[in-house]
Amino acid sequence: MPSSSVLKSWKEISAFLHVTVRTAQRWESDLGLPVHRPRSKRGSAVLGFTEELRAWLQNLPAAGTQLVSLAFEVVRFC
């Protein structure tokens, strides 16, 4: 099995990150979360690769890291 898995929806991506779908979508627009949008008829398809997401989490600038840490804290108490 390859070390990188493909996540095929916002639900899978957000579950991998342990955040809500809305938070993952906000991270895409505000912090550059690496997701891919293959061409589809509906235009809403999204893919994420676990290795890219892990690398993104590890390489966030300080401000982004603080936002991600805060989100993890909020999720943990919900």
C-alpha atoms as a PDB file:
ATOM      1  CA  MET A   1       0.000   0.000   0.000  1.00  0.00           C
ATOM      2  CA  PRO A   2       1.413   3.438  -0.892  1.00  0.00           C
ATOM      3  CA  SER A   3       2.288   5.817   1.920  1.00  0.00           C
ATOM      4  CA  SER A   4      -0.082   8.449   0.526  1.00  0.00           C
ATOM      5  CA  SER A   5      -3.822   7.911   0.480  1.00  0.00           C
ATOM      6  CA  VAL A   6      -6.338   9.779  -1.604  1.00  0.00           C
ATOM      7  CA  LEU A   7      -9.150  11.521   0.249  1.00  0.00           C
ATOM      8  CA  LYS A   8     -12.118  11.927  -2.086  1.00  0.00           C
ATOM      9  CA  SER A   9     -14.368  14.475  -0.390  1.00  0.00           C
ATOM     10  CA  TRP A  10     -14.424  17.385   2.029  1.00  0.00           C
ATOM     11  CA  LYS A  11     -15.834  14.975   4.592  1.00  0.00           C
ATOM     12  CA  GLU A  12     -12.814  12.657   4.276  1.00  0.00           C
ATOM     13  CA  ILE A  13     -10.349  15.567   4.269  1.00  0.00           C
ATOM     14  CA  SER A  14     -11.913  17.149   7.344  1.00  0.00           C
ATOM     15  CA  ALA A  15     -12.010  13.792   9.172  1.00  0.00           C
ATOM     16  CA  PHE A  16      -8.301  13.303   8.405  1.00  0.00           C
ATOM     17  CA  LEU A  17      -7.568  16.766   9.834  1.00  0.00           C
ATOM     18  CA  HIS A  18      -9.979  16.288  12.789  1.00  0.00           C
ATOM     19  CA  VAL A  19     -11.891  19.472  11.984  1.00  0.00           C
ATOM     20  CA  THR A  20     -15.286  20.352  10.525  1.00  0.00           C
ATOM     21  CA  VAL A  21     -15.861  20.496   6.792  1.00  0.00           C
ATOM     22  CA  ARG A  22     -16.322  24.268   7.010  1.00  0.00           C
ATOM     23  CA  THR A  23     -12.993  24.665   8.824  1.00  0.00           C
ATOM     24  CA  ALA A  24     -11.176  22.619   6.159  1.00  0.00           C
ATOM     25  CA  GLN A  25     -12.771  24.747   3.438  1.00  0.00           C
ATOM     26  CA  ARG A  26     -11.774  27.922   5.273  1.00  0.00           C
ATOM     27  CA  TRP A  27      -8.202  26.635   5.594  1.00  0.00           C
ATOM     28  CA  GLU A  28      -8.167  26.121   1.823  1.00  0.00           C
ATOM     29  CA  SER A  29      -9.161  29.723   1.142  1.00  0.00           C
ATOM     30  CA  ASP A  30      -7.305  31.427   4.007  1.00  0.00           C
ATOM     31  CA  LEU A  31      -4.224  29.267   4.558  1.00  0.00           C
ATOM     32  CA  GLY A  32      -3.714  27.447   1.265  1.00  0.00           C
ATOM     33  CA  LEU A  33      -4.729  23.935   2.317  1.00  0.00           C
ATOM     34  CA  PRO A  34      -3.548  21.764  -0.587  1.00  0.00           C
ATOM     35  CA  VAL A  35      -6.598  20.241  -2.252  1.00  0.00           C
ATOM     36  CA  HIS A  36      -7.148  19.339  -5.879  1.00  0.00           C
ATOM     37  CA  ARG A  37     -10.253  19.928  -7.942  1.00  0.00           C
ATOM     38  CA  PRO A  38     -10.429  17.566 -10.898  1.00  0.00           C
ATOM     39  CA  ARG A  39     -12.731  18.554 -13.693  1.00  0.00           C
ATOM     40  CA  SER A  40     -16.227  17.250 -13.198  1.00  0.00           C
ATOM     41  CA  LYS A  41     -19.689  18.047 -14.441  1.00  0.00           C
ATOM     42  CA  ARG A  42     -20.783  19.482 -11.104  1.00  0.00           C
ATOM     43  CA  GLY A  43     -17.513  21.283 -10.418  1.00  0.00           C
ATOM     44  CA  SER A  44     -17.631  20.439  -6.732  1.00  0.00           C
ATOM     45  CA  ALA A  45     -15.312  17.418  -6.637  1.00  0.00           C
ATOM     46  CA  VAL A  46     -12.291  17.740  -4.366  1.00  0.00           C
ATOM     47  CA  LEU A  47      -9.332  15.459  -3.668  1.00  0.00           C
ATOM     48  CA  GLY A  48      -6.712  15.562  -0.974  1.00  0.00           C
ATOM     49  CA  PHE A  49      -3.526  13.541  -0.602  1.00  0.00           C
ATOM     50  CA  THR A  50      -2.592  12.625   2.956  1.00  0.00           C
ATOM     51  CA  GLU A  51       1.139  13.201   2.418  1.00  0.00           C
ATOM     52  CA  GLU A  52       0.495  16.710   1.034  1.00  0.00           C
ATOM     53  CA  LEU A  53      -1.815  17.505   3.948  1.00  0.00           C
ATOM     54  CA  ARG A  54       0.739  16.263   6.495  1.00  0.00           C
ATOM     55  CA  ALA A  55       3.492  18.313   4.854  1.00  0.00           C
ATOM     56  CA  TRP A  56       1.225  21.380   4.791  1.00  0.00           C
ATOM     57  CA  LEU A  57       0.508  21.015   8.517  1.00  0.00           C
ATOM     58  CA  GLN A  58       4.232  20.712   9.292  1.00  0.00           C
ATOM     59  CA  ASN A  59       5.225  23.718   7.167  1.00  0.00           C
ATOM     60  CA  LEU A  60       2.618  26.288   8.176  1.00  0.00           C
ATOM     61  CA  PRO A  61       3.904  29.747   9.059  1.00  0.00           C
ATOM     62  CA  ALA A  62       3.554  30.738  12.714  1.00  0.00           C
ATOM     63  CA  ALA A  63       0.214  32.570  12.263  1.00  0.00           C
ATOM     64  CA  GLY A  64      -1.304  29.620  10.441  1.00  0.00           C
ATOM     65  CA  THR A  65       0.014  27.198  13.021  1.00  0.00           C
ATOM     66  CA  GLN A  66      -1.694  29.187  15.761  1.00  0.00           C
ATOM     67  CA  LEU A  67      -5.015  29.069  13.886  1.00  0.00           C
ATOM     68  CA  VAL A  68      -4.717  25.321  13.322  1.00  0.00           C
ATOM     69  CA  SER A  69      -3.788  24.719  16.972  1.00  0.00           C
ATOM     70  CA  LEU A  70      -6.779  26.772  18.087  1.00  0.00           C
ATOM     71  CA  ALA A  71      -9.091  24.770  15.800  1.00  0.00           C
ATOM     72  CA  PHE A  72      -7.771  21.490  17.227  1.00  0.00           C
ATOM     73  CA  GLU A  73      -8.424  22.777  20.751  1.00  0.00           C
ATOM     74  CA  VAL A  74     -12.000  23.766  19.859  1.00  0.00           C
ATOM     75  CA  VAL A  75     -12.673  20.395  18.219  1.00  0.00           C
ATOM     76  CA  ARG A  76     -11.278  18.523  21.192  1.00  0.00           C
ATOM     77  CA  PHE A  77     -13.737  20.209  23.591  1.00  0.00           C
ATOM     78  CA  CYS A  78     -16.822  19.778  21.386  1.00  0.00           C
END
